[in-house]
Amino acid sequence: KYKKLYKKLCSINNLALAFRKARKGKSKKFYV
């Protein structure tokens, strides 16, 4: 079992990576 994952999930580095993945193919959308 994997514990103590939430802090890593909420890290700025992970959120920035998540942003880049969510932006992929949609960089010209106004909300992006």
PDB file of all heavy atoms in Angstrom:
ATOM      1  N   LYS A   1       0.848  -1.194   0.000  1.00  0.00           N
ATOM      2  CA  LYS A   1       0.000   0.000   0.000  1.00  0.00           C
ATOM      3  C   LYS A   1       0.878   1.237   0.000  1.00  0.00           C
ATOM      4  O   LYS A   1       1.897   1.283   0.699  1.00  0.00           O
ATOM      5  CB  LYS A   1      -0.907   0.016   1.230  1.00  0.00           C
ATOM      6  CG  LYS A   1      -2.274  -0.575   1.014  1.00  0.00           C
ATOM      7  CD  LYS A   1      -3.207  -0.181   2.162  1.00  0.00           C
ATOM      8  CE  LYS A   1      -4.607  -0.696   1.908  1.00  0.00           C
ATOM      9  NZ  LYS A   1      -5.556  -0.212   2.936  1.00  0.00           N
ATOM     10  N   TYR A   2       0.452   2.232  -0.760  1.00  0.00           N
ATOM     11  CA  TYR A   2       1.220   3.472  -0.873  1.00  0.00           C
ATOM     12  C   TYR A   2       0.561   4.553  -0.015  1.00  0.00           C
ATOM     13  O   TYR A   2      -0.620   4.862  -0.189  1.00  0.00           O
ATOM     14  CB  TYR A   2       1.295   3.924  -2.326  1.00  0.00           C
ATOM     15  CG  TYR A   2       2.124   2.995  -3.187  1.00  0.00           C
ATOM     16  CD1 TYR A   2       1.585   1.811  -3.690  1.00  0.00           C
ATOM     17  CD2 TYR A   2       3.450   3.297  -3.490  1.00  0.00           C
ATOM     18  CE1 TYR A   2       2.341   0.957  -4.473  1.00  0.00           C
ATOM     19  CE2 TYR A   2       4.213   2.445  -4.286  1.00  0.00           C
ATOM     20  CZ  TYR A   2       3.647   1.277  -4.768  1.00  0.00           C
ATOM     21  OH  TYR A   2       4.406   0.438  -5.549  1.00  0.00           O
ATOM     22  N   LYS A   3       1.344   5.102   0.913  1.00  0.00           N
ATOM     23  CA  LYS A   3       0.827   6.127   1.819  1.00  0.00           C
ATOM     24  C   LYS A   3       1.563   7.447   1.579  1.00  0.00           C
ATOM     25  O   LYS A   3       2.512   7.514   0.812  1.00  0.00           O
ATOM     26  CB  LYS A   3       0.982   5.670   3.265  1.00  0.00           C
ATOM     27  CG  LYS A   3       0.255   4.358   3.564  1.00  0.00           C
ATOM     28  CD  LYS A   3       0.436   3.935   5.010  1.00  0.00           C
ATOM     29  CE  LYS A   3      -0.307   2.628   5.290  1.00  0.00           C
ATOM     30  NZ  LYS A   3      -0.158   2.204   6.705  1.00  0.00           N
ATOM     31  N   LYS A   4       1.101   8.476   2.232  1.00  0.00           N
ATOM     32  CA  LYS A   4       1.714   9.806   2.155  1.00  0.00           C
ATOM     33  C   LYS A   4       1.888  10.274   0.697  1.00  0.00           C
ATOM     34  O   LYS A   4       2.946  10.728   0.282  1.00  0.00           O
ATOM     35  CB  LYS A   4       3.066   9.811   2.876  1.00  0.00           C
ATOM     36  CG  LYS A   4       2.953   9.510   4.365  1.00  0.00           C
ATOM     37  CD  LYS A   4       4.307   9.554   5.051  1.00  0.00           C
ATOM     38  CE  LYS A   4       4.172   9.249   6.547  1.00  0.00           C
ATOM     39  NZ  LYS A   4       5.479   9.296   7.233  1.00  0.00           N
ATOM     40  N   LEU A   5       0.813  10.128  -0.062  1.00  0.00           N
ATOM     41  CA  LEU A   5       0.832  10.531  -1.475  1.00  0.00           C
ATOM     42  C   LEU A   5       0.295  11.937  -1.696  1.00  0.00           C
ATOM     43  O   LEU A   5       0.609  12.576  -2.695  1.00  0.00           O
ATOM     44  CB  LEU A   5      -0.013   9.548  -2.310  1.00  0.00           C
ATOM     45  CG  LEU A   5       0.454   8.094  -2.355  1.00  0.00           C
ATOM     46  CD1 LEU A   5      -0.612   7.237  -3.055  1.00  0.00           C
ATOM     47  CD2 LEU A   5       1.781   7.977  -3.084  1.00  0.00           C
ATOM     48  N   TYR A   6      -0.522  12.415  -0.758  1.00  0.00           N
ATOM     49  CA  TYR A   6      -1.287  13.637  -1.006  1.00  0.00           C
ATOM     50  C   TYR A   6      -0.391  14.869  -1.120  1.00  0.00           C
ATOM     51  O   TYR A   6      -0.626  15.741  -1.965  1.00  0.00           O
ATOM     52  CB  TYR A   6      -2.327  13.834   0.090  1.00  0.00           C
ATOM     53  CG  TYR A   6      -3.413  14.830  -0.286  1.00  0.00           C
ATOM     54  CD1 TYR A   6      -4.313  14.537  -1.301  1.00  0.00           C
ATOM     55  CD2 TYR A   6      -3.540  16.042   0.392  1.00  0.00           C
ATOM     56  CE1 TYR A   6      -5.322  15.434  -1.648  1.00  0.00           C
ATOM     57  CE2 TYR A   6      -4.535  16.940   0.046  1.00  0.00           C
ATOM     58  CZ  TYR A   6      -5.425  16.630  -0.974  1.00  0.00           C
ATOM     59  OH  TYR A   6      -6.408  17.520  -1.316  1.00  0.00           O
ATOM     60  N   LYS A   7       0.616  14.936  -0.284  1.00  0.00           N
ATOM     61  CA  LYS A   7       1.524  16.090  -0.336  1.00  0.00           C
ATOM     62  C   LYS A   7       2.213  16.167  -1.692  1.00  0.00           C
ATOM     63  O   LYS A   7       2.357  17.255  -2.274  1.00  0.00           O
ATOM     64  CB  LYS A   7       2.561  15.997   0.784  1.00  0.00           C
ATOM     65  CG  LYS A   7       3.452  17.219   0.896  1.00  0.00           C
ATOM     66  CD  LYS A   7       4.400  17.100   2.083  1.00  0.00           C
ATOM     67  CE  LYS A   7       5.302  18.334   2.178  1.00  0.00           C
ATOM     68  NZ  LYS A   7       6.248  18.214   3.328  1.00  0.00           N
ATOM     69  N   LYS A   8       2.616  15.019  -2.213  1.00  0.00           N
ATOM     70  CA  LYS A   8       3.245  14.974  -3.534  1.00  0.00           C
ATOM     71  C   LYS A   8       2.246  15.352  -4.618  1.00  0.00           C
ATOM     72  O   LYS A   8       2.578  16.057  -5.575  1.00  0.00           O
ATOM     73  CB  LYS A   8       3.802  13.572  -3.778  1.00  0.00           C
ATOM     74  CG  LYS A   8       4.615  13.441  -5.052  1.00  0.00           C
ATOM     75  CD  LYS A   8       5.190  12.034  -5.180  1.00  0.00           C
ATOM     76  CE  LYS A   8       5.997  11.900  -6.469  1.00  0.00           C
ATOM     77  NZ  LYS A   8       6.520  10.509  -6.626  1.00  0.00           N
ATOM     78  N   LEU A   9       1.011  14.877  -4.454  1.00  0.00           N
ATOM     79  CA  LEU A   9      -0.039  15.193  -5.424  1.00  0.00           C
ATOM     80  C   LEU A   9      -0.282  16.699  -5.497  1.00  0.00           C
ATOM     81  O   LEU A   9      -0.499  17.260  -6.583  1.00  0.00           O
ATOM     82  CB  LEU A   9      -1.331  14.452  -5.041  1.00  0.00           C
ATOM     83  CG  LEU A   9      -2.506  14.440  -6.018  1.00  0.00           C
ATOM     84  CD1 LEU A   9      -3.402  13.237  -5.748  1.00  0.00           C
ATOM     85  CD2 LEU A   9      -3.345  15.715  -5.954  1.00  0.00           C
ATOM     86  N   CYS A  10      -0.245  17.366  -4.337  1.00  0.00           N
ATOM     87  CA  CYS A  10      -0.544  18.795  -4.251  1.00  0.00           C
ATOM     88  C   CYS A  10       0.667  19.692  -4.470  1.00  0.00           C
ATOM     89  O   CYS A  10       0.544  20.919  -4.393  1.00  0.00           O
ATOM     90  CB  CYS A  10      -1.163  19.119  -2.888  1.00  0.00           C
ATOM     91  SG  CYS A  10      -2.738  18.303  -2.584  1.00  0.00           S
ATOM     92  N   SER A  11       1.804  19.104  -4.714  1.00  0.00           N
ATOM     93  CA  SER A  11       3.006  19.924  -4.896  1.00  0.00           C
ATOM     94  C   SER A  11       2.881  20.799  -6.136  1.00  0.00           C
ATOM     95  O   SER A  11       2.220  20.434  -7.116  1.00  0.00           O
ATOM     96  CB  SER A  11       4.243  19.032  -5.013  1.00  0.00           C
ATOM     97  OG  SER A  11       4.230  18.328  -6.251  1.00  0.00           O
ATOM     98  N   ILE A  12       3.522  21.940  -6.104  1.00  0.00           N
ATOM     99  CA  ILE A  12       3.497  22.852  -7.247  1.00  0.00           C
ATOM    100  C   ILE A  12       4.096  22.181  -8.482  1.00  0.00           C
ATOM    101  O   ILE A  12       3.601  22.377  -9.603  1.00  0.00           O
ATOM    102  CB  ILE A  12       4.248  24.164  -6.920  1.00  0.00           C
ATOM    103  CG1 ILE A  12       3.434  25.004  -5.918  1.00  0.00           C
ATOM    104  CG2 ILE A  12       4.490  24.982  -8.185  1.00  0.00           C
ATOM    105  CD1 ILE A  12       2.076  25.473  -6.439  1.00  0.00           C
ATOM    106  N   ASN A  13       5.129  21.397  -8.296  1.00  0.00           N
ATOM    107  CA  ASN A  13       5.742  20.707  -9.430  1.00  0.00           C
ATOM    108  C   ASN A  13       4.746  19.771 -10.126  1.00  0.00           C
ATOM    109  O   ASN A  13       4.670  19.729 -11.353  1.00  0.00           O
ATOM    110  CB  ASN A  13       6.968  19.909  -8.987  1.00  0.00           C
ATOM    111  CG  ASN A  13       8.163  20.798  -8.706  1.00  0.00           C
ATOM    112  OD1 ASN A  13       8.209  21.949  -9.143  1.00  0.00           O
ATOM    113  ND2 ASN A  13       9.136  20.279  -7.980  1.00  0.00           N
ATOM    114  N   ASN A  14       4.000  19.025  -9.305  1.00  0.00           N
ATOM    115  CA  ASN A  14       3.012  18.103  -9.886  1.00  0.00           C
ATOM    116  C   ASN A  14       1.861  18.865 -10.543  1.00  0.00           C
ATOM    117  O   ASN A  14       1.385  18.479 -11.618  1.00  0.00           O
ATOM    118  CB  ASN A  14       2.474  17.142  -8.826  1.00  0.00           C
ATOM    119  CG  ASN A  14       1.557  16.089  -9.435  1.00  0.00           C
ATOM    120  OD1 ASN A  14       1.887  15.464 -10.448  1.00  0.00           O
ATOM    121  ND2 ASN A  14       0.393  15.914  -8.839  1.00  0.00           N
ATOM    122  N   LEU A  15       1.399  19.933  -9.899  1.00  0.00           N
ATOM    123  CA  LEU A  15       0.311  20.724 -10.476  1.00  0.00           C
ATOM    124  C   LEU A  15       0.747  21.413 -11.771  1.00  0.00           C
ATOM    125  O   LEU A  15      -0.042  21.533 -12.720  1.00  0.00           O
ATOM    126  CB  LEU A  15      -0.185  21.755  -9.466  1.00  0.00           C
ATOM    127  CG  LEU A  15      -0.867  21.193  -8.205  1.00  0.00           C
ATOM    128  CD1 LEU A  15      -1.272  22.328  -7.270  1.00  0.00           C
ATOM    129  CD2 LEU A  15      -2.073  20.342  -8.564  1.00  0.00           C
ATOM    130  N   ALA A  16       2.014  21.849 -11.813  1.00  0.00           N
ATOM    131  CA  ALA A  16       2.532  22.470 -13.039  1.00  0.00           C
ATOM    132  C   ALA A  16       2.604  21.441 -14.166  1.00  0.00           C
ATOM    133  O   ALA A  16       2.278  21.743 -15.326  1.00  0.00           O
ATOM    134  CB  ALA A  16       3.908  23.079 -12.774  1.00  0.00           C
ATOM    135  N   LEU A  17       3.044  20.231 -13.834  1.00  0.00           N
ATOM    136  CA  LEU A  17       3.071  19.160 -14.830  1.00  0.00           C
ATOM    137  C   LEU A  17       1.654  18.832 -15.298  1.00  0.00           C
ATOM    138  O   LEU A  17       1.408  18.639 -16.502  1.00  0.00           O
ATOM    139  CB  LEU A  17       3.734  17.914 -14.235  1.00  0.00           C
ATOM    140  CG  LEU A  17       3.722  16.655 -15.105  1.00  0.00           C
ATOM    141  CD1 LEU A  17       4.465  16.892 -16.421  1.00  0.00           C
ATOM    142  CD2 LEU A  17       4.324  15.467 -14.342  1.00  0.00           C
ATOM    143  N   ALA A  18       0.734  18.780 -14.362  1.00  0.00           N
ATOM    144  CA  ALA A  18      -0.667  18.507 -14.696  1.00  0.00           C
ATOM    145  C   ALA A  18      -1.234  19.592 -15.607  1.00  0.00           C
ATOM    146  O   ALA A  18      -1.983  19.304 -16.552  1.00  0.00           O
ATOM    147  CB  ALA A  18      -1.499  18.407 -13.419  1.00  0.00           C
ATOM    148  N   PHE A  19      -0.869  20.838 -15.340  1.00  0.00           N
ATOM    149  CA  PHE A  19      -1.298  21.946 -16.200  1.00  0.00           C
ATOM    150  C   PHE A  19      -0.794  21.749 -17.620  1.00  0.00           C
ATOM    151  O   PHE A  19      -1.543  21.920 -18.594  1.00  0.00           O
ATOM    152  CB  PHE A  19      -0.797  23.279 -15.644  1.00  0.00           C
ATOM    153  CG  PHE A  19      -0.843  24.391 -16.650  1.00  0.00           C
ATOM    154  CD1 PHE A  19      -2.048  25.000 -16.987  1.00  0.00           C
ATOM    155  CD2 PHE A  19       0.325  24.825 -17.282  1.00  0.00           C
ATOM    156  CE1 PHE A  19      -2.099  26.013 -17.936  1.00  0.00           C
ATOM    157  CE2 PHE A  19       0.291  25.833 -18.230  1.00  0.00           C
ATOM    158  CZ  PHE A  19      -0.926  26.433 -18.559  1.00  0.00           C
ATOM    159  N   ARG A  20       0.469  21.397 -17.769  1.00  0.00           N
ATOM    160  CA  ARG A  20       1.035  21.220 -19.107  1.00  0.00           C
ATOM    161  C   ARG A  20       0.338  20.091 -19.865  1.00  0.00           C
ATOM    162  O   ARG A  20       0.101  20.181 -21.074  1.00  0.00           O
ATOM    163  CB  ARG A  20       2.541  20.954 -19.019  1.00  0.00           C
ATOM    164  CG  ARG A  20       3.349  22.156 -18.530  1.00  0.00           C
ATOM    165  CD  ARG A  20       4.840  21.962 -18.751  1.00  0.00           C
ATOM    166  NE  ARG A  20       5.398  20.888 -17.948  1.00  0.00           N
ATOM    167  CZ  ARG A  20       5.848  21.038 -16.708  1.00  0.00           C
ATOM    168  NH1 ARG A  20       5.781  22.219 -16.108  1.00  0.00           N
ATOM    169  NH2 ARG A  20       6.365  20.009 -16.046  1.00  0.00           N
ATOM    170  N   LYS A  21      -0.002  19.046 -19.159  1.00  0.00           N
ATOM    171  CA  LYS A  21      -0.715  17.933 -19.798  1.00  0.00           C
ATOM    172  C   LYS A  21      -2.148  18.329 -20.173  1.00  0.00           C
ATOM    173  O   LYS A  21      -2.637  17.974 -21.252  1.00  0.00           O
ATOM    174  CB  LYS A  21      -0.728  16.718 -18.868  1.00  0.00           C
ATOM    175  CG  LYS A  21       0.630  16.054 -18.719  1.00  0.00           C
ATOM    176  CD  LYS A  21       0.540  14.809 -17.842  1.00  0.00           C
ATOM    177  CE  LYS A  21       1.874  14.090 -17.772  1.00  0.00           C
ATOM    178  NZ  LYS A  21       1.796  12.854 -16.951  1.00  0.00           N
ATOM    179  N   ALA A  22      -2.813  19.071 -19.289  1.00  0.00           N
ATOM    180  CA  ALA A  22      -4.182  19.510 -19.568  1.00  0.00           C
ATOM    181  C   ALA A  22      -4.222  20.512 -20.715  1.00  0.00           C
ATOM    182  O   ALA A  22      -5.204  20.592 -21.457  1.00  0.00           O
ATOM    183  CB  ALA A  22      -4.798  20.117 -18.308  1.00  0.00           C
ATOM    184  N   ARG A  23      -3.144  21.272 -20.861  1.00  0.00           N
ATOM    185  CA  ARG A  23      -3.064  22.299 -21.908  1.00  0.00           C
ATOM    186  C   ARG A  23      -2.779  21.700 -23.283  1.00  0.00           C
ATOM    187  O   ARG A  23      -3.079  22.321 -24.312  1.00  0.00           O
ATOM    188  CB  ARG A  23      -1.942  23.283 -21.540  1.00  0.00           C
ATOM    189  CG  ARG A  23      -1.741  24.414 -22.551  1.00  0.00           C
ATOM    190  CD  ARG A  23      -0.522  25.244 -22.219  1.00  0.00           C
ATOM    191  NE  ARG A  23       0.705  24.435 -22.240  1.00  0.00           N
ATOM    192  CZ  ARG A  23       1.902  24.920 -21.986  1.00  0.00           C
ATOM    193  NH1 ARG A  23       2.060  26.194 -21.651  1.00  0.00           N
ATOM    194  NH2 ARG A  23       2.960  24.143 -22.034  1.00  0.00           N
ATOM    195  N   LYS A  24      -2.210  20.528 -23.325  1.00  0.00           N
ATOM    196  CA  LYS A  24      -1.768  19.929 -24.583  1.00  0.00           C
ATOM    197  C   LYS A  24      -2.897  19.891 -25.614  1.00  0.00           C
ATOM    198  O   LYS A  24      -3.983  19.361 -25.359  1.00  0.00           O
ATOM    199  CB  LYS A  24      -1.240  18.513 -24.337  1.00  0.00           C
ATOM    200  CG  LYS A  24      -0.542  17.907 -25.540  1.00  0.00           C
ATOM    201  CD  LYS A  24       0.082  16.572 -25.188  1.00  0.00           C
ATOM    202  CE  LYS A  24       0.810  15.987 -26.396  1.00  0.00           C
ATOM    203  NZ  LYS A  24       1.432  14.677 -26.077  1.00  0.00           N
ATOM    204  N   GLY A  25      -2.636  20.480 -26.772  1.00  0.00           N
ATOM    205  CA  GLY A  25      -3.625  20.522 -27.842  1.00  0.00           C
ATOM    206  C   GLY A  25      -4.679  21.589 -27.682  1.00  0.00           C
ATOM    207  O   GLY A  25      -5.564  21.730 -28.523  1.00  0.00           O
ATOM    208  N   LYS A  26      -4.586  22.362 -26.584  1.00  0.00           N
ATOM    209  CA  LYS A  26      -5.607  23.382 -26.304  1.00  0.00           C
ATOM    210  C   LYS A  26      -4.975  24.720 -25.923  1.00  0.00           C
ATOM    211  O   LYS A  26      -5.623  25.556 -25.297  1.00  0.00           O
ATOM    212  CB  LYS A  26      -6.521  22.909 -25.175  1.00  0.00           C
ATOM    213  CG  LYS A  26      -7.324  21.665 -25.533  1.00  0.00           C
ATOM    214  CD  LYS A  26      -8.157  21.203 -24.359  1.00  0.00           C
ATOM    215  CE  LYS A  26      -9.078  20.043 -24.765  1.00  0.00           C
ATOM    216  NZ  LYS A  26      -8.336  18.859 -25.213  1.00  0.00           N
ATOM    217  N   SER A  27      -3.732  24.913 -26.311  1.00  0.00           N
ATOM    218  CA  SER A  27      -3.005  26.113 -25.877  1.00  0.00           C
ATOM    219  C   SER A  27      -3.593  27.408 -26.420  1.00  0.00           C
ATOM    220  O   SER A  27      -3.338  28.481 -25.870  1.00  0.00           O
ATOM    221  CB  SER A  27      -1.534  26.010 -26.293  1.00  0.00           C
ATOM    222  OG  SER A  27      -1.420  25.856 -27.702  1.00  0.00           O
ATOM    223  N   LYS A  28      -4.408  27.336 -27.471  1.00  0.00           N
ATOM    224  CA  LYS A  28      -5.007  28.539 -28.056  1.00  0.00           C
ATOM    225  C   LYS A  28      -6.408  28.821 -27.520  1.00  0.00           C
ATOM    226  O   LYS A  28      -7.028  29.819 -27.894  1.00  0.00           O
ATOM    227  CB  LYS A  28      -5.038  28.418 -29.578  1.00  0.00           C
ATOM    228  CG  LYS A  28      -3.646  28.395 -30.210  1.00  0.00           C
ATOM    229  CD  LYS A  28      -3.718  28.324 -31.729  1.00  0.00           C
ATOM    230  CE  LYS A  28      -2.324  28.290 -32.347  1.00  0.00           C
ATOM    231  NZ  LYS A  28      -2.382  28.208 -33.845  1.00  0.00           N
ATOM    232  N   LYS A  29      -6.903  27.940 -26.661  1.00  0.00           N
ATOM    233  CA  LYS A  29      -8.218  28.164 -26.058  1.00  0.00           C
ATOM    234  C   LYS A  29      -8.142  29.340 -25.094  1.00  0.00           C
ATOM    235  O   LYS A  29      -7.161  29.498 -24.363  1.00  0.00           O
ATOM    236  CB  LYS A  29      -8.683  26.910 -25.306  1.00  0.00           C
ATOM    237  CG  LYS A  29      -8.887  25.691 -26.201  1.00  0.00           C
ATOM    238  CD  LYS A  29     -10.121  25.818 -27.062  1.00  0.00           C
ATOM    239  CE  LYS A  29     -10.396  24.528 -27.835  1.00  0.00           C
ATOM    240  NZ  LYS A  29     -11.596  24.637 -28.680  1.00  0.00           N
ATOM    241  N   PHE A  30      -9.208  30.132 -25.064  1.00  0.00           N
ATOM    242  CA  PHE A  30      -9.173  31.354 -24.247  1.00  0.00           C
ATOM    243  C   PHE A  30      -8.988  31.053 -22.772  1.00  0.00           C
ATOM    244  O   PHE A  30      -8.291  31.781 -22.051  1.00  0.00           O
ATOM    245  CB  PHE A  30     -10.449  32.164 -24.477  1.00  0.00           C
ATOM    246  CG  PHE A  30     -11.661  31.635 -23.773  1.00  0.00           C
ATOM    247  CD1 PHE A  30     -12.008  32.096 -22.505  1.00  0.00           C
ATOM    248  CD2 PHE A  30     -12.456  30.657 -24.357  1.00  0.00           C
ATOM    249  CE1 PHE A  30     -13.120  31.603 -21.841  1.00  0.00           C
ATOM    250  CE2 PHE A  30     -13.572  30.159 -23.702  1.00  0.00           C
ATOM    251  CZ  PHE A  30     -13.909  30.630 -22.439  1.00  0.00           C
ATOM    252  N   TYR A  31      -9.616  29.962 -22.291  1.00  0.00           N
ATOM    253  CA  TYR A  31      -9.519  29.658 -20.859  1.00  0.00           C
ATOM    254  C   TYR A  31      -8.103  29.218 -20.471  1.00  0.00           C
ATOM    255  O   TYR A  31      -7.683  29.439 -19.340  1.00  0.00           O
ATOM    256  CB  TYR A  31     -10.557  28.605 -20.453  1.00  0.00           C
ATOM    257  CG  TYR A  31     -10.556  27.336 -21.266  1.00  0.00           C
ATOM    258  CD1 TYR A  31      -9.621  26.321 -21.047  1.00  0.00           C
ATOM    259  CD2 TYR A  31     -11.516  27.122 -22.262  1.00  0.00           C
ATOM    260  CE1 TYR A  31      -9.629  25.160 -21.784  1.00  0.00           C
ATOM    261  CE2 TYR A  31     -11.526  25.959 -23.014  1.00  0.00           C
ATOM    262  CZ  TYR A  31     -10.582  24.979 -22.768  1.00  0.00           C
ATOM    263  OH  TYR A  31     -10.589  23.816 -23.507  1.00  0.00           O
ATOM    264  N   VAL A  32      -7.392  28.602 -21.405  1.00  0.00           N
ATOM    265  CA  VAL A  32      -6.003  28.233 -21.140  1.00  0.00           C
ATOM    266  C   VAL A  32      -5.125  29.484 -21.113  1.00  0.00           C
ATOM    267  O   VAL A  32      -4.276  29.657 -20.232  1.00  0.00           O
ATOM    268  CB  VAL A  32      -5.486  27.242 -22.200  1.00  0.00           C
ATOM    269  CG1 VAL A  32      -4.002  26.928 -21.959  1.00  0.00           C
ATOM    270  CG2 VAL A  32      -6.309  25.957 -22.184  1.00  0.00           C
TER     271      VAL A  32
END
